[in-house]
Amino acid sequence: MDLVFSEEALQYRSAGHPESPDRVKKAHSYLKDKYEINEPIQASVEDLLLVHDEDFVQRVKEGRFSDPDCPNYEDLFFYATLSAGGAITAQKKGSLSLMRPPGHHAGRDFLGGFCYLNNLAIAVEKSGLRTLIVDFDAHHGNGTEDIYLGREDVTYLSLHRSPGFPGTGQESRKNVINHPVSPMIGDKKYLDLLGKELERLSKKEFEQVALSAGFDGHKDDPLASLGLSTSAFQEIGKYLKKMDLPTFGVLEGGYIGEDLGRNIDAFLKGFNSRY
């Protein structure tokens, strides 16, 4: 697994906002000489409509929205569609997209939590494949659940901090498997839980795995720590590699610039290893 990135993502910014380019810039600098970097395509409006309602897409395009966690940046729609295109490119290449803004809090007709469009869901829909979505961001992907609840061709698995933003994902329903976990669950309990779920799900007939790859569960993360070490992300990579399926992912959370690159590197080393 390699990476998808464009330095255009570093222009997507707002002073003082947690979803700033600074930590992604540091992560890219740490990773760029270790992995092949693929340039993202730009997603089309037709791509977005695979997942989102037409009126919602138009409101995002025109800046007709208000959310405290989703500032109306200049050229926001350009960056959002480039990030969605990063997910599409990642699916085609079997890569991890580092593009911003993130996506798993964006539902069919709503945005939130720094997310404007659901990048991962757009790529999954465009692929047309039976998919297991594994969300290891420390926040629940309420937007992804909204899009896929009840679908027979997609299963969504999320391990997330509770209590915590956005306050959803307290129970499993239909094809959605939610595991709210304590804020300081730590490596062993987290990995045991994830490993058991992946082993159970490996018996189902998926054609690909799609990852909402969040690194905000790291022990030093200021927003949503789960007490995880950097080595835990390497083990997560190994567990997912054992699924033995085509796999791609998108970067969701992770808010420590100094550690984000190291955590992503650990995950990729685990995934690219022979177990």
Protein backbone atom coordinates (compact mmCIF):
# COMPACT_ATOMS: atom_id res chain seq x y z
CA MET A 1 0.00 0.00 0.00
CA ASP A 2 1.34 3.41 -0.99
CA LEU A 3 -0.09 6.95 -0.80
CA VAL A 4 -2.26 9.47 -2.64
CA PHE A 5 -1.45 13.13 -2.10
CA SER A 6 -1.31 16.54 -3.77
CA GLU A 7 0.27 19.63 -2.29
CA GLU A 8 -2.97 21.41 -3.22
CA ALA A 9 -4.25 19.97 0.08
CA LEU A 10 -1.81 22.22 1.93
CA GLN A 11 -3.69 25.29 0.66
CA TYR A 12 -6.88 24.11 2.39
CA ARG A 13 -6.67 25.97 5.65
CA SER A 14 -8.19 28.17 8.32
CA ALA A 15 -6.10 29.81 11.02
CA GLY A 16 -6.46 28.10 14.38
CA HIS A 17 -8.76 25.31 13.16
CA PRO A 18 -7.83 21.72 14.16
CA GLU A 19 -8.33 20.62 10.53
CA SER A 20 -5.30 22.62 9.38
CA PRO A 21 -2.71 21.57 6.80
CA ASP A 22 0.23 21.85 9.20
CA ARG A 23 0.14 18.32 10.59
CA VAL A 24 -0.58 16.84 7.13
CA LYS A 25 2.41 18.76 5.78
CA LYS A 26 4.60 17.26 8.52
CA ALA A 27 3.19 13.79 7.88
CA HIS A 28 3.77 14.08 4.13
CA SER A 29 7.32 15.29 4.72
CA TYR A 30 7.96 12.25 6.94
CA LEU A 31 6.45 9.77 4.46
CA LYS A 32 7.26 11.11 0.99
CA ASP A 33 10.64 9.39 0.64
CA LYS A 34 9.35 6.08 2.00
CA TYR A 35 6.35 5.48 -0.28
CA GLU A 36 5.23 6.07 -3.84
CA ILE A 37 2.96 9.12 -4.07
CA ASN A 38 0.05 9.09 -6.53
CA GLU A 39 -1.66 12.31 -7.66
CA PRO A 40 -5.44 12.42 -7.05
CA ILE A 41 -8.04 12.98 -9.74
CA GLN A 42 -10.80 15.57 -9.25
CA ALA A 43 -14.16 13.97 -8.46
CA SER A 44 -17.06 15.04 -10.67
CA VAL A 45 -20.50 16.13 -9.51
CA GLU A 46 -21.77 12.84 -10.95
CA ASP A 47 -19.40 11.01 -8.60
CA LEU A 48 -20.76 12.93 -5.60
CA LEU A 49 -24.35 12.13 -6.56
CA LEU A 50 -23.60 8.42 -6.18
CA VAL A 51 -23.74 9.12 -2.43
CA HIS A 52 -25.17 12.56 -1.71
CA ASP A 53 -28.52 14.20 -2.45
CA GLU A 54 -28.44 16.67 -5.33
CA ASP A 55 -29.68 19.59 -3.24
CA PHE A 56 -26.99 18.92 -0.61
CA VAL A 57 -24.23 18.87 -3.23
CA GLN A 58 -25.50 22.15 -4.63
CA ARG A 59 -25.54 23.75 -1.18
CA VAL A 60 -21.94 22.69 -0.53
CA LYS A 61 -20.92 23.94 -3.98
CA GLU A 62 -22.54 27.33 -3.41
CA GLY A 63 -21.46 27.63 0.23
CA ARG A 64 -25.06 27.64 1.50
CA PHE A 65 -24.41 25.85 4.78
CA SER A 66 -23.66 26.68 8.39
CA ASP A 67 -21.82 24.40 10.80
CA PRO A 68 -19.41 25.42 13.59
CA ASP A 69 -17.01 22.60 12.69
CA CYS A 70 -17.16 23.15 8.92
CA PRO A 71 -15.98 26.64 8.00
CA ASN A 72 -16.91 27.93 4.56
CA TYR A 73 -13.38 28.18 3.20
CA GLU A 74 -12.53 29.99 -0.01
CA ASP A 75 -12.57 27.45 -2.88
CA LEU A 76 -13.97 24.84 -0.47
CA PHE A 77 -15.73 22.86 -3.22
CA PHE A 78 -12.48 22.54 -5.16
CA TYR A 79 -10.68 21.04 -2.15
CA ALA A 80 -13.61 18.82 -1.19
CA THR A 81 -13.93 17.33 -4.68
CA LEU A 82 -10.15 16.87 -4.90
CA SER A 83 -10.26 14.98 -1.59
CA ALA A 84 -13.12 12.82 -2.90
CA GLY A 85 -11.05 12.25 -6.02
CA GLY A 86 -8.17 11.19 -3.79
CA ALA A 87 -10.40 8.43 -2.40
CA ILE A 88 -11.35 7.31 -5.92
CA THR A 89 -7.67 7.23 -6.88
CA ALA A 90 -6.84 5.30 -3.70
CA GLN A 91 -9.48 2.68 -4.54
CA LYS A 92 -8.06 2.19 -8.02
CA LYS A 93 -4.45 2.03 -6.79
CA GLY A 94 -4.94 0.17 -3.51
CA SER A 95 -3.52 3.16 -1.65
CA LEU A 96 -4.12 5.40 1.35
CA SER A 97 -5.23 8.95 0.53
CA LEU A 98 -3.84 11.74 2.71
CA MET A 99 -6.09 14.36 1.12
CA ARG A 100 -8.15 16.85 3.14
CA PRO A 101 -10.89 17.56 4.14
CA PRO A 102 -11.89 14.22 5.72
CA GLY A 103 -15.27 12.61 5.17
CA HIS A 104 -16.81 10.06 7.54
CA HIS A 105 -19.07 12.55 9.36
CA ALA A 106 -20.73 13.62 6.08
CA GLY A 107 -24.04 11.86 5.44
CA ARG A 108 -26.33 11.71 2.47
CA ASP A 109 -27.67 15.22 3.12
CA PHE A 110 -25.60 16.66 5.98
CA LEU A 111 -22.05 17.72 6.83
CA GLY A 112 -20.27 18.01 10.16
CA GLY A 113 -17.12 17.26 12.13
CA PHE A 114 -14.75 18.88 9.59
CA CYS A 115 -16.33 16.72 6.82
CA TYR A 116 -18.14 18.10 3.75
CA LEU A 117 -18.36 15.06 1.44
CA ASN A 118 -18.05 11.39 2.33
CA ASN A 119 -14.91 10.61 0.35
CA LEU A 120 -14.72 6.92 1.22
CA ALA A 121 -18.37 6.25 0.39
CA ILE A 122 -18.01 7.98 -2.97
CA ALA A 123 -15.09 5.70 -3.86
CA VAL A 124 -16.92 2.61 -2.63
CA GLU A 125 -20.00 3.44 -4.70
CA LYS A 126 -17.95 4.18 -7.80
CA SER A 127 -16.23 0.79 -7.47
CA GLY A 128 -19.51 -1.15 -7.35
CA LEU A 129 -17.89 -3.86 -5.19
CA ARG A 130 -19.15 -5.73 -2.14
CA THR A 131 -17.28 -3.88 0.59
CA LEU A 132 -16.33 -4.14 4.23
CA ILE A 133 -15.73 -0.63 5.60
CA VAL A 134 -13.47 -0.64 8.65
CA ASP A 135 -13.44 2.67 10.52
CA PHE A 136 -10.65 2.86 13.09
CA ASP A 137 -10.94 6.59 13.64
CA ALA A 138 -11.58 7.34 17.31
CA HIS A 139 -14.83 9.13 16.38
CA HIS A 140 -17.89 7.32 15.08
CA GLY A 141 -18.51 7.75 11.35
CA ASN A 142 -22.13 8.82 11.65
CA GLY A 143 -22.18 9.98 8.03
CA THR A 144 -21.02 6.61 6.73
CA GLU A 145 -23.63 4.84 8.85
CA ASP A 146 -26.32 7.18 7.50
CA ILE A 147 -25.36 6.34 3.92
CA TYR A 148 -25.06 2.57 4.31
CA LEU A 149 -27.49 1.46 7.01
CA GLY A 150 -29.56 -1.42 5.62
CA ARG A 151 -27.44 -2.06 2.53
CA GLU A 152 -26.80 -5.74 1.75
CA ASP A 153 -23.63 -5.16 -0.27
CA VAL A 154 -21.75 -3.07 2.33
CA THR A 155 -20.92 -3.79 5.97
CA TYR A 156 -19.69 -1.00 8.24
CA LEU A 157 -17.52 -1.73 11.30
CA SER A 158 -16.55 1.05 13.69
CA LEU A 159 -14.61 1.07 16.97
CA HIS A 160 -14.94 4.52 18.52
CA ARG A 161 -14.66 6.47 21.75
CA SER A 162 -17.70 6.81 23.99
CA PRO A 163 -18.60 9.24 25.34
CA GLY A 164 -17.39 11.44 22.52
CA PHE A 165 -18.28 13.33 19.37
CA PRO A 166 -20.69 12.94 17.57
CA GLY A 167 -22.50 10.88 20.23
CA THR A 168 -23.79 8.28 17.76
CA GLY A 169 -22.90 4.63 17.21
CA GLN A 170 -24.10 3.33 20.54
CA GLU A 171 -25.62 0.15 19.11
CA SER A 172 -25.25 -2.20 16.16
CA ARG A 173 -28.05 -2.33 13.59
CA LYS A 174 -28.51 -4.47 10.49
CA ASN A 175 -25.27 -4.23 8.50
CA VAL A 176 -23.68 -1.69 10.88
CA ILE A 177 -21.43 -3.03 13.64
CA ASN A 178 -20.68 -0.42 16.29
CA HIS A 179 -18.33 -0.83 19.22
CA PRO A 180 -18.31 2.20 21.54
CA VAL A 181 -15.21 1.83 23.74
CA SER A 182 -13.81 3.62 26.78
CA PRO A 183 -11.55 6.65 26.24
CA MET A 184 -8.44 4.83 27.46
CA ILE A 185 -9.06 1.28 26.28
CA GLY A 186 -5.38 0.80 25.40
CA ASP A 187 -3.64 -1.48 22.93
CA LYS A 188 -4.51 -4.96 24.17
CA LYS A 189 -8.26 -4.62 24.60
CA TYR A 190 -8.62 -2.60 21.41
CA LEU A 191 -6.63 -5.03 19.28
CA ASP A 192 -8.37 -8.06 20.79
CA LEU A 193 -11.76 -6.58 19.93
CA LEU A 194 -10.76 -5.57 16.41
CA GLY A 195 -9.09 -8.90 15.75
CA LYS A 196 -12.14 -10.91 16.79
CA GLU A 197 -14.45 -8.83 14.59
CA LEU A 198 -12.17 -9.07 11.55
CA GLU A 199 -11.80 -12.82 12.01
CA ARG A 200 -15.58 -13.21 12.13
CA LEU A 201 -16.12 -10.95 9.13
CA SER A 202 -13.42 -12.72 7.09
CA LYS A 203 -15.87 -15.56 6.60
CA LYS A 204 -18.18 -13.32 4.55
CA GLU A 205 -17.81 -12.80 0.81
CA PHE A 206 -16.45 -9.28 0.42
CA GLU A 207 -14.64 -8.09 -2.69
CA GLN A 208 -12.68 -5.29 -1.01
CA VAL A 209 -11.92 -3.57 2.29
CA ALA A 210 -12.25 0.24 2.57
CA LEU A 211 -10.64 2.02 5.51
CA SER A 212 -11.59 5.18 7.34
CA ALA A 213 -8.09 5.42 8.76
CA GLY A 214 -8.06 7.68 11.78
CA PHE A 215 -5.00 8.10 13.99
CA ASP A 216 -6.65 10.20 16.68
CA GLY A 217 -6.80 7.16 18.96
CA HIS A 218 -3.09 7.70 19.68
CA LYS A 219 -2.33 8.16 23.36
CA ASP A 220 -1.22 11.78 22.94
CA ASP A 221 -3.99 12.97 20.64
CA PRO A 222 -5.78 16.03 22.07
CA LEU A 223 -9.26 15.33 20.62
CA ALA A 224 -10.10 11.64 21.00
CA SER A 225 -7.33 9.54 22.50
CA LEU A 226 -7.99 5.85 23.08
CA GLY A 227 -4.62 5.31 24.74
CA LEU A 228 -3.14 3.56 21.70
CA SER A 229 0.58 3.39 21.03
CA THR A 230 2.22 3.82 17.64
CA SER A 231 2.90 0.07 17.57
CA ALA A 232 -0.87 -0.56 17.84
CA PHE A 233 -1.33 1.00 14.40
CA GLN A 234 1.26 -1.40 13.01
CA GLU A 235 -0.77 -4.29 14.44
CA ILE A 236 -3.97 -2.86 12.93
CA GLY A 237 -2.21 -2.91 9.57
CA LYS A 238 -1.23 -6.55 10.05
CA TYR A 239 -4.77 -7.56 11.03
CA LEU A 240 -6.21 -5.91 7.93
CA LYS A 241 -3.59 -7.49 5.65
CA LYS A 242 -4.74 -10.92 6.89
CA MET A 243 -8.16 -10.25 5.35
CA ASP A 244 -6.34 -10.94 2.04
CA LEU A 245 -8.58 -8.61 0.03
CA PRO A 246 -7.94 -5.56 -2.15
CA THR A 247 -7.75 -2.68 0.33
CA PHE A 248 -7.69 1.10 0.15
CA GLY A 249 -8.22 3.88 2.63
CA VAL A 250 -8.57 7.56 3.37
CA LEU A 251 -7.09 9.58 6.20
CA GLU A 252 -9.72 10.77 8.67
CA GLY A 253 -8.54 12.12 12.05
CA GLY A 254 -5.18 12.43 13.77
CA TYR A 255 -4.26 15.81 15.20
CA ILE A 256 -0.61 15.67 16.27
CA GLY A 257 1.63 16.71 13.42
CA GLU A 258 4.76 15.31 15.03
CA ASP A 259 3.24 11.84 15.50
CA LEU A 260 0.85 11.54 12.55
CA GLY A 261 3.55 10.63 10.04
CA ARG A 262 5.04 8.04 12.38
CA ASN A 263 1.63 6.50 13.08
CA ILE A 264 0.75 6.30 9.38
CA ASP A 265 4.17 4.81 8.66
CA ALA A 266 3.64 2.17 11.35
CA PHE A 267 0.25 1.27 9.92
CA LEU A 268 1.62 0.97 6.38
CA LYS A 269 4.58 -1.11 7.56
CA GLY A 270 2.16 -3.47 9.25
CA PHE A 271 -0.09 -3.69 6.23
CA ASN A 272 2.81 -4.15 3.80
CA SER A 273 4.44 -6.84 5.93
CA ARG A 274 4.05 -10.58 5.57
CA TYR A 275 2.18 -10.61 8.87
